[in-house]
Amino acid sequence: MKTGKYIEIEDQFGAHNYHPLDIVVRKAEGVWVEDVDGKRYIDFLAAYSAVNQGHCHPRLLKALRAQAARVTLTSRAFRNDQLPHFCREICELTGFPRVLPMNSGAEAVETALKAARKWGEKVKGVPAGQGEIIACADNFHGRTITIVSFSTDEQYRDGFGPFTPGFKIIPYGDADALAAAINERTVAFLVEPIQGESGIVVPPAGFLARARRLCSQHNVLLICDEIQSGLGRTGKLFAYEWENVRPDGVIVGKALSGGFYPVSAFLSSDEVMSVFHPGDHGSTFGGNPLGMAVAREAMRVLVEEKLVERSAELGPWFMEKLAAIKSPSIVKVRGKGLWVGLVLDRKARPYCEALMQEGLLCKETHDTVIRFAPPLCITRKDLNLALRRVAKVFKKLDG
């Protein structure tokens, strides 16, 4: 079938809860994808940073096949031989003492929220049902009812009430507002060290460091959502490392399995994780042997192929080249590592559609921002090719 027919079938039978670019991908490798008509594209979205290791990485494919031939699922009613290794390896990699594996990023966020609330009652001593969690305006932590309860994007909330109480919102990057919002009932501050869906927004220097001091001063958990920003995307293993802070908990997902299988996790201290007892929380698929085998190899690939270092090296160079493009529509270039927001003074969608026609895949976010986030295995040669295509499109559309 041709592209148009696939789109027709999907539009007829699928829910219309996405507005994708009209490309139908049939295969991918590394930073390249191919559509059903045989045209090749450079992927500059990396499945929202889920394929930091590159599409169909051969080591991950080998791990998936080998484990799938042995055992895929036991549930947590029984133990399996991959979960213990995963727990040890991710804790050694990140420096956190304990991990609770889940599947989707939203599930890991929910896990962190439940941990923070229960810690607030059982350890900090907040009266039952009165714990408050502070989040930031323009956040994106997922799409469950509880998570959209503290979203400030009206589309994410429209029609989904009533909402979960117990959340307080402050402006992103405003440490004074955080200080003012904390009270004796505050149990946690949940924050993206860099906001992704909001348009790759980097907070003012010192914001996260001061947030750490405020949380420590008031016995509040600092929890960083690194589902998109973590695992090498910003040129550090985690984006919070840019301010030399140590959160009390971190949420990871997406690239944790290199795009092969949904794996996420909440990592935290012995004290926080001790609030969970058998039956308190869980997941049939969380910690399954297939996911754990893939995640173990995905972490090894990040380290052994030095993908974090590659993001740190190529990211600033790529941003400098983007900033040099002469265009009246470009307002600014912002980001960290290979996670870049190109801010326009107009709608970004037409530029993304034009870039697709030139063989470069990216996506608009918050209407006026083009997000560039290629797989971290990308080469300088491919980045140069992408830059030429970007310059060509801006010259064409600005003319």
Protein backbone atom coordinates (compact mmCIF):
# COMPACT_ATOMS: atom_id res chain seq x y z
CA MET A 1 0.00 0.00 0.00
CA LYS A 2 0.99 3.62 -0.53
CA THR A 3 1.20 6.30 2.15
CA GLY A 4 -2.26 7.72 1.48
CA LYS A 5 -4.00 4.39 1.96
CA TYR A 6 -2.34 3.76 5.33
CA ILE A 7 -3.40 7.22 6.49
CA GLU A 8 -6.97 6.64 5.26
CA ILE A 9 -7.29 3.37 7.23
CA GLU A 10 -5.81 4.85 10.41
CA ASP A 11 -8.05 7.89 10.23
CA GLN A 12 -11.10 5.69 9.70
CA PHE A 13 -10.53 3.23 12.54
CA GLY A 14 -8.18 4.99 14.99
CA ALA A 15 -8.98 7.63 17.62
CA HIS A 16 -7.92 11.07 16.46
CA ASN A 17 -5.86 11.94 19.54
CA TYR A 18 -2.66 12.76 17.61
CA HIS A 19 -1.79 15.05 14.72
CA PRO A 20 1.24 13.30 13.20
CA LEU A 21 3.17 14.33 10.15
CA ASP A 22 1.93 12.35 7.17
CA ILE A 23 4.81 9.92 6.92
CA VAL A 24 4.27 6.17 7.33
CA VAL A 25 7.49 4.56 8.58
CA ARG A 26 8.17 0.95 7.72
CA LYS A 27 11.76 0.49 8.92
CA ALA A 28 14.57 2.33 10.65
CA GLU A 29 18.24 1.94 11.52
CA GLY A 30 20.47 4.26 13.51
CA VAL A 31 19.42 7.84 12.71
CA TRP A 32 17.68 6.92 9.45
CA VAL A 33 14.09 5.88 8.81
CA GLU A 34 12.37 4.79 5.61
CA ASP A 35 8.72 5.23 4.67
CA VAL A 36 6.43 2.81 2.85
CA ASP A 37 7.20 4.55 -0.45
CA GLY A 38 10.94 3.95 -0.05
CA LYS A 39 12.01 7.51 0.84
CA ARG A 40 14.68 7.91 3.54
CA TYR A 41 14.76 10.54 6.27
CA ILE A 42 17.06 11.62 9.10
CA ASP A 43 15.16 11.27 12.37
CA PHE A 44 15.48 14.39 14.53
CA LEU A 45 12.87 13.41 17.10
CA ALA A 46 14.18 10.01 18.25
CA ALA A 47 10.67 9.00 19.37
CA TYR A 48 10.67 11.84 21.91
CA SER A 49 14.15 10.71 23.08
CA ALA A 50 13.15 7.06 23.49
CA VAL A 51 15.72 5.90 20.92
CA ASN A 52 18.82 7.73 22.16
CA GLN A 53 20.80 4.63 21.20
CA GLY A 54 19.50 4.77 17.62
CA HIS A 55 16.76 2.81 15.89
CA CYS A 56 16.94 -0.98 16.00
CA HIS A 57 20.31 -1.05 17.70
CA PRO A 58 21.76 -4.50 16.93
CA ARG A 59 22.84 -5.15 20.52
CA LEU A 60 19.36 -4.39 21.83
CA LEU A 61 17.79 -6.51 19.12
CA LYS A 62 20.05 -9.41 20.06
CA ALA A 63 19.19 -9.03 23.77
CA LEU A 64 15.46 -8.89 22.99
CA ARG A 65 15.55 -11.98 20.81
CA ALA A 66 17.61 -14.00 23.26
CA GLN A 67 15.39 -13.19 26.22
CA ALA A 68 12.15 -13.61 24.26
CA ALA A 69 13.21 -17.16 23.47
CA ARG A 70 13.63 -17.93 27.19
CA VAL A 71 10.89 -16.21 29.19
CA THR A 72 9.07 -12.91 28.68
CA LEU A 73 6.77 -12.50 31.67
CA THR A 74 6.41 -14.01 35.12
CA SER A 75 4.57 -11.15 36.89
CA ARG A 76 5.98 -10.14 40.24
CA ALA A 77 4.23 -13.11 41.85
CA PHE A 78 7.50 -14.92 41.11
CA ARG A 79 11.08 -13.76 40.77
CA ASN A 80 13.01 -13.77 37.51
CA ASP A 81 16.72 -13.88 36.72
CA GLN A 82 16.90 -10.47 34.98
CA LEU A 83 15.31 -8.15 37.56
CA PRO A 84 18.06 -8.50 40.21
CA HIS A 85 20.77 -7.63 37.68
CA PHE A 86 18.76 -4.67 36.38
CA CYS A 87 18.24 -3.31 39.89
CA ARG A 88 21.92 -3.56 40.76
CA GLU A 89 23.13 -2.14 37.45
CA ILE A 90 20.80 0.88 37.31
CA CYS A 91 21.53 1.70 40.94
CA GLU A 92 25.28 1.49 40.31
CA LEU A 93 24.95 3.62 37.18
CA THR A 94 22.86 6.35 38.81
CA GLY A 95 24.06 6.25 42.41
CA PHE A 96 20.60 5.73 43.91
CA PRO A 97 20.20 2.93 46.47
CA ARG A 98 16.80 1.64 45.34
CA VAL A 99 14.72 1.30 42.19
CA LEU A 100 11.09 0.47 41.45
CA PRO A 101 10.61 -0.54 37.79
CA MET A 102 7.42 0.23 35.87
CA ASN A 103 6.50 0.41 32.18
CA SER A 104 5.42 3.81 30.83
CA GLY A 105 6.77 7.15 31.93
CA ALA A 106 3.40 8.17 33.34
CA GLU A 107 3.39 5.05 35.54
CA ALA A 108 6.81 5.99 36.90
CA VAL A 109 5.58 9.52 37.65
CA GLU A 110 2.55 8.08 39.45
CA THR A 111 4.91 5.86 41.42
CA ALA A 112 6.95 8.88 42.49
CA LEU A 113 3.80 10.78 43.49
CA LYS A 114 2.57 7.87 45.59
CA ALA A 115 5.98 7.47 47.20
CA ALA A 116 6.16 11.17 48.05
CA ARG A 117 2.67 11.27 49.55
CA LYS A 118 3.20 8.16 51.65
CA TRP A 119 6.63 9.35 52.76
CA GLY A 120 5.02 12.64 53.79
CA GLU A 121 2.53 10.86 56.04
CA LYS A 122 4.62 7.99 57.38
CA VAL A 123 8.03 9.66 57.71
CA LYS A 124 7.61 13.45 57.74
CA GLY A 125 4.40 13.27 59.76
CA VAL A 126 2.04 15.30 57.57
CA PRO A 127 -1.58 14.62 58.63
CA ALA A 128 -3.33 11.97 56.56
CA GLY A 129 -4.71 13.27 53.27
CA GLN A 130 -3.12 16.73 53.62
CA GLY A 131 0.19 16.34 51.81
CA GLU A 132 0.95 18.85 49.05
CA ILE A 133 3.22 18.44 46.05
CA ILE A 134 4.56 21.49 44.23
CA ALA A 135 4.94 21.40 40.43
CA CYS A 136 5.76 23.99 37.78
CA ALA A 137 3.66 25.81 35.22
CA ASP A 138 4.00 24.48 31.67
CA ASN A 139 5.08 21.10 33.00
CA PHE A 140 4.58 17.83 31.19
CA HIS A 141 4.71 14.70 33.33
CA GLY A 142 2.21 12.50 31.50
CA ARG A 143 -1.49 12.18 30.79
CA THR A 144 -3.18 10.27 33.63
CA ILE A 145 -6.04 11.95 35.49
CA THR A 146 -3.81 12.75 38.46
CA ILE A 147 -1.00 14.11 36.31
CA VAL A 148 -3.21 16.35 34.21
CA SER A 149 -4.66 17.60 37.48
CA PHE A 150 -1.52 19.69 37.91
CA SER A 151 -1.01 20.56 34.25
CA THR A 152 -1.45 24.19 33.22
CA ASP A 153 -2.26 23.28 29.62
CA GLU A 154 -6.02 23.60 29.32
CA GLN A 155 -6.21 21.14 26.43
CA TYR A 156 -4.73 18.40 28.62
CA ARG A 157 -7.44 19.07 31.23
CA ASP A 158 -10.47 19.88 29.09
CA GLY A 159 -13.31 17.50 29.91
CA PHE A 160 -11.32 15.24 32.23
CA GLY A 161 -12.40 16.59 35.62
CA PRO A 162 -12.94 16.22 38.51
CA PHE A 163 -9.25 16.50 39.26
CA THR A 164 -7.00 15.15 41.96
CA PRO A 165 -6.35 17.71 44.72
CA GLY A 166 -3.12 18.27 46.63
CA PHE A 167 -0.98 20.08 44.05
CA LYS A 168 0.36 23.62 43.99
CA ILE A 169 1.76 25.31 40.87
CA ILE A 170 4.62 27.83 40.70
CA PRO A 171 6.21 29.56 37.68
CA TYR A 172 8.99 27.44 36.18
CA GLY A 173 12.44 28.63 37.16
CA ASP A 174 11.20 30.91 39.97
CA ALA A 175 13.01 29.91 43.16
CA ASP A 176 11.40 32.74 45.14
CA ALA A 177 7.98 31.38 44.23
CA LEU A 178 9.09 27.93 45.38
CA ALA A 179 10.23 29.34 48.72
CA ALA A 180 6.87 31.07 49.17
CA ALA A 181 4.88 27.96 48.23
CA ILE A 182 6.51 25.57 50.70
CA ASN A 183 4.64 25.03 53.96
CA GLU A 184 4.45 22.41 56.70
CA ARG A 185 2.27 20.17 54.49
CA THR A 186 4.64 20.17 51.50
CA VAL A 187 6.01 16.70 50.82
CA ALA A 188 7.73 17.10 47.45
CA PHE A 189 8.76 19.40 44.62
CA LEU A 190 8.40 17.65 41.25
CA VAL A 191 10.34 19.35 38.46
CA GLU A 192 11.80 18.79 35.00
CA PRO A 193 15.40 20.06 35.09
CA ILE A 194 14.73 21.17 31.50
CA GLN A 195 11.16 21.33 30.25
CA GLY A 196 10.73 19.30 27.07
CA GLU A 197 7.15 19.53 25.83
CA SER A 198 7.10 23.19 26.77
CA GLY A 199 9.75 23.81 24.11
CA ILE A 200 13.16 22.78 25.52
CA VAL A 201 13.04 25.47 28.21
CA VAL A 202 16.21 25.77 30.28
CA PRO A 203 15.62 27.40 33.69
CA PRO A 204 17.75 30.31 34.98
CA ALA A 205 21.19 29.31 36.23
CA GLY A 206 21.07 28.40 39.90
CA PHE A 207 17.36 27.55 40.00
CA LEU A 208 17.80 23.84 40.61
CA ALA A 209 20.61 24.37 43.09
CA ARG A 210 18.48 26.75 45.15
CA ALA A 211 15.53 24.36 44.89
CA ARG A 212 17.78 21.68 46.38
CA ARG A 213 18.71 23.96 49.29
CA LEU A 214 15.08 24.92 49.93
CA CYS A 215 13.91 21.31 49.87
CA SER A 216 16.68 20.25 52.25
CA GLN A 217 15.91 23.16 54.59
CA HIS A 218 12.21 22.30 54.82
CA ASN A 219 12.43 18.48 54.69
CA VAL A 220 10.80 18.32 51.26
CA LEU A 221 11.65 15.70 48.64
CA LEU A 222 13.22 17.04 45.44
CA ILE A 223 12.07 14.73 42.62
CA CYS A 224 13.40 15.24 39.09
CA ASP A 225 11.48 13.98 36.08
CA GLU A 226 14.21 12.95 33.64
CA ILE A 227 12.09 10.80 31.35
CA GLN A 228 13.05 12.89 28.32
CA SER A 229 16.06 14.84 29.60
CA GLY A 230 17.86 11.89 31.18
CA LEU A 231 20.12 9.11 29.95
CA GLY A 232 22.45 11.31 27.95
CA ARG A 233 20.09 13.61 26.07
CA THR A 234 21.55 16.85 27.47
CA GLY A 235 25.21 15.85 27.48
CA LYS A 236 25.12 14.53 31.03
CA LEU A 237 23.64 11.26 32.25
CA PHE A 238 21.00 13.42 33.93
CA ALA A 239 20.21 17.08 33.31
CA TYR A 240 20.28 17.87 37.03
CA GLU A 241 24.03 17.22 36.95
CA TRP A 242 24.50 20.55 35.12
CA GLU A 243 23.88 22.25 38.48
CA ASN A 244 25.73 19.66 40.57
CA VAL A 245 22.64 18.81 42.60
CA ARG A 246 21.46 15.48 43.92
CA PRO A 247 17.69 14.99 44.01
CA ASP A 248 15.96 12.68 46.47
CA GLY A 249 14.41 10.80 43.59
CA VAL A 250 14.61 10.62 39.81
CA ILE A 251 12.10 9.34 37.26
CA VAL A 252 13.43 7.64 34.11
CA GLY A 253 11.87 6.01 31.06
CA LYS A 254 11.95 6.25 27.26
CA ALA A 255 15.64 5.65 26.41
CA LEU A 256 15.89 3.20 29.30
CA SER A 257 14.94 0.51 26.79
CA GLY A 258 16.18 2.11 23.58
CA GLY A 259 12.74 2.04 21.96
CA PHE A 260 12.34 -1.73 22.04
CA TYR A 261 9.99 -2.14 24.97
CA PRO A 262 8.27 0.15 27.52
CA VAL A 263 10.48 0.33 30.61
CA SER A 264 10.47 3.08 33.22
CA ALA A 265 11.58 3.40 36.81
CA PHE A 266 11.56 5.52 39.93
CA LEU A 267 14.89 5.68 41.75
CA SER A 268 15.22 6.97 45.30
CA SER A 269 16.64 6.46 48.77
CA ASP A 270 16.17 3.65 51.28
CA GLU A 271 14.04 5.99 53.40
CA VAL A 272 11.63 6.87 50.61
CA MET A 273 11.36 3.37 49.18
CA SER A 274 10.81 1.89 52.65
CA VAL A 275 7.24 3.26 52.63
CA PHE A 276 6.24 0.59 50.10
CA HIS A 277 5.14 -2.77 51.49
CA PRO A 278 3.84 -5.84 49.62
CA GLY A 279 0.49 -4.94 48.08
CA ASP A 280 0.93 -1.16 48.29
CA HIS A 281 1.88 -0.66 44.66
CA GLY A 282 2.82 -2.73 41.65
CA SER A 283 2.48 -3.66 38.01
CA THR A 284 1.96 -6.97 36.23
CA PHE A 285 4.55 -6.07 33.60
CA GLY A 286 6.83 -3.87 35.71
CA GLY A 287 10.18 -5.61 36.16
CA ASN A 288 9.38 -8.32 33.60
CA PRO A 289 12.37 -10.32 32.34
CA LEU A 290 12.07 -9.21 28.72
CA GLY A 291 12.01 -5.52 29.64
CA MET A 292 14.82 -5.92 32.15
CA ALA A 293 17.10 -7.71 29.69
CA VAL A 294 16.58 -4.98 27.10
CA ALA A 295 17.06 -2.18 29.64
CA ARG A 296 20.31 -3.70 30.90
CA GLU A 297 21.72 -3.73 27.38
CA ALA A 298 20.37 -0.24 26.66
CA MET A 299 22.30 1.14 29.64
CA ARG A 300 25.46 -0.65 28.57
CA VAL A 301 25.18 0.79 25.07
CA LEU A 302 24.87 4.34 26.45
CA VAL A 303 28.04 3.89 28.49
CA GLU A 304 30.18 1.73 26.23
CA GLU A 305 29.43 3.68 23.04
CA LYS A 306 29.98 6.97 24.89
CA LEU A 307 26.68 8.42 23.73
CA VAL A 308 26.48 10.84 26.67
CA GLU A 309 29.86 12.25 25.71
CA ARG A 310 28.80 12.50 22.07
CA SER A 311 25.78 14.59 23.06
CA ALA A 312 28.02 16.87 25.13
CA GLU A 313 30.45 17.29 22.23
CA LEU A 314 28.10 17.69 19.28
CA GLY A 315 25.23 19.52 20.96
CA PRO A 316 26.91 22.92 21.48
CA TRP A 317 28.41 22.77 17.97
CA PHE A 318 25.01 21.99 16.44
CA MET A 319 23.34 24.82 18.37
CA GLU A 320 26.03 27.27 17.24
CA LYS A 321 25.47 26.30 13.61
CA LEU A 322 21.69 26.61 13.98
CA ALA A 323 22.08 30.07 15.50
CA ALA A 324 24.15 31.12 12.49
CA ILE A 325 21.26 30.49 10.08
CA LYS A 326 20.01 33.85 8.85
CA SER A 327 16.24 33.95 9.11
CA PRO A 328 13.79 36.65 10.22
CA SER A 329 11.51 33.98 11.65
CA ILE A 330 14.05 32.56 14.13
CA VAL A 331 13.79 34.16 17.57
CA LYS A 332 16.31 32.06 19.49
CA VAL A 333 18.03 28.72 19.81
CA ARG A 334 17.98 27.09 23.25
CA GLY A 335 18.72 23.74 24.79
CA LYS A 336 21.41 21.46 26.20
CA GLY A 337 23.34 18.74 24.43
CA LEU A 338 21.46 17.25 21.51
CA TRP A 339 18.14 18.58 22.80
CA VAL A 340 17.43 21.83 21.03
CA GLY A 341 14.45 24.13 20.68
CA LEU A 342 14.36 26.44 17.65
CA VAL A 343 11.95 29.21 18.67
CA LEU A 344 10.08 30.97 15.87
CA ASP A 345 7.93 34.09 15.71
CA ARG A 346 5.27 32.11 13.83
CA LYS A 347 3.71 28.66 13.59
CA ALA A 348 6.31 25.91 13.44
CA ARG A 349 4.15 23.24 11.80
CA PRO A 350 4.69 24.44 8.19
CA TYR A 351 8.46 24.33 8.74
CA CYS A 352 8.26 20.78 10.11
CA GLU A 353 6.18 19.72 7.11
CA ALA A 354 8.66 21.33 4.73
CA LEU A 355 11.58 19.69 6.52
CA MET A 356 9.85 16.33 6.13
CA GLN A 357 9.67 16.92 2.38
CA GLU A 358 13.43 17.56 2.47
CA GLY A 359 14.05 14.29 4.31
CA LEU A 360 14.37 15.52 7.89
CA LEU A 361 11.87 14.51 10.57
CA CYS A 362 11.14 16.76 13.54
CA LYS A 363 8.02 17.99 15.31
CA GLU A 364 6.62 21.26 16.55
CA THR A 365 5.85 21.77 20.22
CA HIS A 366 3.85 24.57 21.79
CA ASP A 367 3.00 25.84 18.29
CA THR A 368 6.08 28.00 17.67
CA VAL A 369 9.02 25.77 18.64
CA ILE A 370 10.75 23.15 16.49
CA ARG A 371 12.27 20.42 18.65
CA PHE A 372 15.49 18.82 17.43
CA ALA A 373 16.46 15.63 19.27
CA PRO A 374 18.28 13.14 17.04
CA PRO A 375 19.47 9.77 18.27
CA LEU A 376 22.72 10.28 20.19
CA CYS A 377 24.58 8.00 17.80
CA ILE A 378 24.37 10.68 15.11
CA THR A 379 27.60 11.78 13.40
CA ARG A 380 28.86 15.26 12.63
CA LYS A 381 28.46 14.41 8.95
CA ASP A 382 24.74 13.70 9.39
CA LEU A 383 24.32 16.82 11.50
CA ASN A 384 25.88 18.86 8.70
CA LEU A 385 23.50 17.27 6.22
CA ALA A 386 20.59 18.17 8.49
CA LEU A 387 21.82 21.75 8.86
CA ARG A 388 21.88 22.18 5.09
CA ARG A 389 18.29 20.97 4.90
CA VAL A 390 17.20 23.29 7.70
CA ALA A 391 18.86 26.27 6.02
CA LYS A 392 17.23 25.39 2.70
CA VAL A 393 13.75 25.21 4.22
CA PHE A 394 14.08 28.50 6.08
CA LYS A 395 15.36 30.22 2.97
CA LYS A 396 12.41 28.88 1.02
CA LEU A 397 9.66 29.64 3.56
CA ASP A 398 11.05 33.02 4.61
CA GLY A 399 11.27 34.19 1.02
